[in-house]
């Protein structure tokens, strides 16, 4: 089996499909040419550059904003609040509509 095919198999076992472009970005930041990284990961260069130029999605923006709110609430409780208390503070205290599972995931 050629080395590149084996490398692709190993990378796919470790990196989820949603994170392949992020892995490529890390490889490019470490000095590996994008063309070589795309060949190793079996991705298209045009797809990588389109992903890089794409603005963040509304969901990721909301998750980033909620994560900051969660960090502030958790710090204000001196690290004692878990997901349930943070969720209660967000929904009852701040009046936000957010699912408990979302708070758990972001914490």
C-alpha atoms as a PDB file:
ATOM      1  CA  UNK A   1       0.000   0.000   0.000  1.00  0.00           C
ATOM      2  CA  UNK A   2       1.458   3.407  -0.959  1.00  0.00           C
ATOM      3  CA  UNK A   3       2.449   5.712   1.856  1.00  0.00           C
ATOM      4  CA  UNK A   4      -0.058   8.434   0.942  1.00  0.00           C
ATOM      5  CA  UNK A   5      -3.026   6.034   0.983  1.00  0.00           C
ATOM      6  CA  UNK A   6      -1.966   4.716   4.383  1.00  0.00           C
ATOM      7  CA  UNK A   7      -1.537   8.292   5.643  1.00  0.00           C
ATOM      8  CA  UNK A   8      -5.033   9.185   4.429  1.00  0.00           C
ATOM      9  CA  UNK A   9      -6.477   6.142   6.212  1.00  0.00           C
ATOM     10  CA  UNK A  10      -4.703   7.022   9.455  1.00  0.00           C
ATOM     11  CA  UNK A  11      -5.788  10.662   9.315  1.00  0.00           C
ATOM     12  CA  UNK A  12      -9.410   9.697   8.616  1.00  0.00           C
ATOM     13  CA  UNK A  13      -9.395   7.443  11.682  1.00  0.00           C
ATOM     14  CA  UNK A  14      -8.275  10.333  13.881  1.00  0.00           C
ATOM     15  CA  UNK A  15      -9.910  13.385  12.266  1.00  0.00           C
ATOM     16  CA  UNK A  16     -13.681  13.564  11.847  1.00  0.00           C
ATOM     17  CA  UNK A  17     -14.954  14.591   8.392  1.00  0.00           C
ATOM     18  CA  UNK A  18     -16.149  17.936   9.737  1.00  0.00           C
ATOM     19  CA  UNK A  19     -12.672  18.761  11.005  1.00  0.00           C
ATOM     20  CA  UNK A  20     -10.605  17.841   7.929  1.00  0.00           C
ATOM     21  CA  UNK A  21     -10.265  21.416   6.675  1.00  0.00           C
ATOM     22  CA  UNK A  22      -9.273  22.520  10.181  1.00  0.00           C
ATOM     23  CA  UNK A  23      -6.615  19.807  10.200  1.00  0.00           C
ATOM     24  CA  UNK A  24      -5.433  21.038   6.805  1.00  0.00           C
ATOM     25  CA  UNK A  25      -5.239  24.600   8.151  1.00  0.00           C
ATOM     26  CA  UNK A  26      -3.070  23.409  11.052  1.00  0.00           C
ATOM     27  CA  UNK A  27      -0.799  21.568   8.638  1.00  0.00           C
ATOM     28  CA  UNK A  28      -0.520  24.687   6.467  1.00  0.00           C
ATOM     29  CA  UNK A  29       0.215  26.877   9.512  1.00  0.00           C
ATOM     30  CA  UNK A  30       3.062  24.544  10.442  1.00  0.00           C
ATOM     31  CA  UNK A  31       4.716  25.153   7.092  1.00  0.00           C
ATOM     32  CA  UNK A  32       3.459  22.274   4.954  1.00  0.00           C
ATOM     33  CA  UNK A  33       2.411  23.523   1.500  1.00  0.00           C
ATOM     34  CA  UNK A  34      -1.371  23.508   1.023  1.00  0.00           C
ATOM     35  CA  UNK A  35      -1.063  21.509  -2.182  1.00  0.00           C
ATOM     36  CA  UNK A  36       0.826  18.718  -0.394  1.00  0.00           C
ATOM     37  CA  UNK A  37      -1.536  18.765   2.595  1.00  0.00           C
ATOM     38  CA  UNK A  38      -4.533  18.516   0.263  1.00  0.00           C
ATOM     39  CA  UNK A  39      -2.949  15.551  -1.480  1.00  0.00           C
ATOM     40  CA  UNK A  40      -2.235  13.820   1.846  1.00  0.00           C
ATOM     41  CA  UNK A  41      -5.752  14.417   3.174  1.00  0.00           C
ATOM     42  CA  UNK A  42      -7.369  13.670  -0.196  1.00  0.00           C
ATOM     43  CA  UNK A  43      -9.087  17.076  -0.334  1.00  0.00           C
ATOM     44  CA  UNK A  44      -9.433  19.649  -3.066  1.00  0.00           C
ATOM     45  CA  UNK A  45      -7.492  22.887  -2.849  1.00  0.00           C
ATOM     46  CA  UNK A  46     -10.486  24.871  -4.072  1.00  0.00           C
ATOM     47  CA  UNK A  47     -12.629  23.367  -1.306  1.00  0.00           C
ATOM     48  CA  UNK A  48     -10.063  24.370   1.319  1.00  0.00           C
ATOM     49  CA  UNK A  49      -9.805  27.942   0.053  1.00  0.00           C
ATOM     50  CA  UNK A  50     -13.616  28.211  -0.162  1.00  0.00           C
ATOM     51  CA  UNK A  51     -13.886  26.931   3.438  1.00  0.00           C
ATOM     52  CA  UNK A  52     -11.252  29.420   4.600  1.00  0.00           C
ATOM     53  CA  UNK A  53     -13.031  32.371   2.943  1.00  0.00           C
ATOM     54  CA  UNK A  54     -16.468  31.369   4.226  1.00  0.00           C
ATOM     55  CA  UNK A  55     -17.848  33.491   7.085  1.00  0.00           C
ATOM     56  CA  UNK A  56     -18.765  31.736  10.334  1.00  0.00           C
ATOM     57  CA  UNK A  57     -22.259  30.275  10.457  1.00  0.00           C
ATOM     58  CA  UNK A  58     -24.974  31.817  12.643  1.00  0.00           C
ATOM     59  CA  UNK A  59     -24.894  28.715  14.850  1.00  0.00           C
ATOM     60  CA  UNK A  60     -21.158  28.954  15.468  1.00  0.00           C
ATOM     61  CA  UNK A  61     -21.502  32.669  16.249  1.00  0.00           C
ATOM     62  CA  UNK A  62     -24.285  31.926  18.754  1.00  0.00           C
ATOM     63  CA  UNK A  63     -22.231  29.113  20.289  1.00  0.00           C
ATOM     64  CA  UNK A  64     -19.240  31.436  20.709  1.00  0.00           C
ATOM     65  CA  UNK A  65     -21.457  34.079  22.312  1.00  0.00           C
ATOM     66  CA  UNK A  66     -23.111  31.526  24.607  1.00  0.00           C
ATOM     67  CA  UNK A  67     -19.727  30.090  25.581  1.00  0.00           C
ATOM     68  CA  UNK A  68     -18.618  33.518  26.772  1.00  0.00           C
ATOM     69  CA  UNK A  69     -21.828  33.920  28.781  1.00  0.00           C
ATOM     70  CA  UNK A  70     -21.364  30.442  30.278  1.00  0.00           C
ATOM     71  CA  UNK A  71     -17.761  31.240  31.242  1.00  0.00           C
ATOM     72  CA  UNK A  72     -18.842  34.450  32.990  1.00  0.00           C
ATOM     73  CA  UNK A  73     -21.640  32.690  34.902  1.00  0.00           C
ATOM     74  CA  UNK A  74     -19.337  29.842  35.877  1.00  0.00           C
ATOM     75  CA  UNK A  75     -16.624  32.268  37.053  1.00  0.00           C
ATOM     76  CA  UNK A  76     -19.160  34.334  39.010  1.00  0.00           C
ATOM     77  CA  UNK A  77     -20.174  31.177  40.875  1.00  0.00           C
ATOM     78  CA  UNK A  78     -16.466  30.575  41.695  1.00  0.00           C
ATOM     79  CA  UNK A  79     -16.586  27.397  39.613  1.00  0.00           C
ATOM     80  CA  UNK A  80     -19.380  25.709  41.548  1.00  0.00           C
ATOM     81  CA  UNK A  81     -22.188  25.883  38.985  1.00  0.00           C
ATOM     82  CA  UNK A  82     -22.686  22.884  36.748  1.00  0.00           C
ATOM     83  CA  UNK A  83     -24.689  22.678  33.547  1.00  0.00           C
ATOM     84  CA  UNK A  84     -28.042  22.679  35.352  1.00  0.00           C
ATOM     85  CA  UNK A  85     -27.382  25.831  37.343  1.00  0.00           C
ATOM     86  CA  UNK A  86     -25.802  27.603  34.380  1.00  0.00           C
ATOM     87  CA  UNK A  87     -28.810  26.655  32.238  1.00  0.00           C
ATOM     88  CA  UNK A  88     -31.154  27.966  34.917  1.00  0.00           C
ATOM     89  CA  UNK A  89     -29.181  31.208  35.140  1.00  0.00           C
ATOM     90  CA  UNK A  90     -29.323  31.639  31.369  1.00  0.00           C
ATOM     91  CA  UNK A  91     -33.032  30.858  31.013  1.00  0.00           C
ATOM     92  CA  UNK A  92     -34.518  32.165  34.243  1.00  0.00           C
ATOM     93  CA  UNK A  93     -31.981  34.833  35.123  1.00  0.00           C
ATOM     94  CA  UNK A  94     -31.289  36.238  31.673  1.00  0.00           C
ATOM     95  CA  UNK A  95     -34.433  35.169  29.824  1.00  0.00           C
ATOM     96  CA  UNK A  96     -32.536  33.426  27.022  1.00  0.00           C
ATOM     97  CA  UNK A  97     -33.992  30.531  25.092  1.00  0.00           C
ATOM     98  CA  UNK A  98     -31.350  27.829  25.135  1.00  0.00           C
ATOM     99  CA  UNK A  99     -31.588  24.062  25.457  1.00  0.00           C
ATOM    100  CA  UNK A 100     -30.021  22.266  28.401  1.00  0.00           C
ATOM    101  CA  UNK A 101     -28.150  19.978  26.014  1.00  0.00           C
ATOM    102  CA  UNK A 102     -26.581  22.970  24.308  1.00  0.00           C
ATOM    103  CA  UNK A 103     -25.290  24.280  27.628  1.00  0.00           C
ATOM    104  CA  UNK A 104     -23.900  20.820  28.462  1.00  0.00           C
ATOM    105  CA  UNK A 105     -22.159  20.584  25.099  1.00  0.00           C
ATOM    106  CA  UNK A 106     -20.616  24.041  25.367  1.00  0.00           C
ATOM    107  CA  UNK A 107     -19.424  23.466  28.913  1.00  0.00           C
END
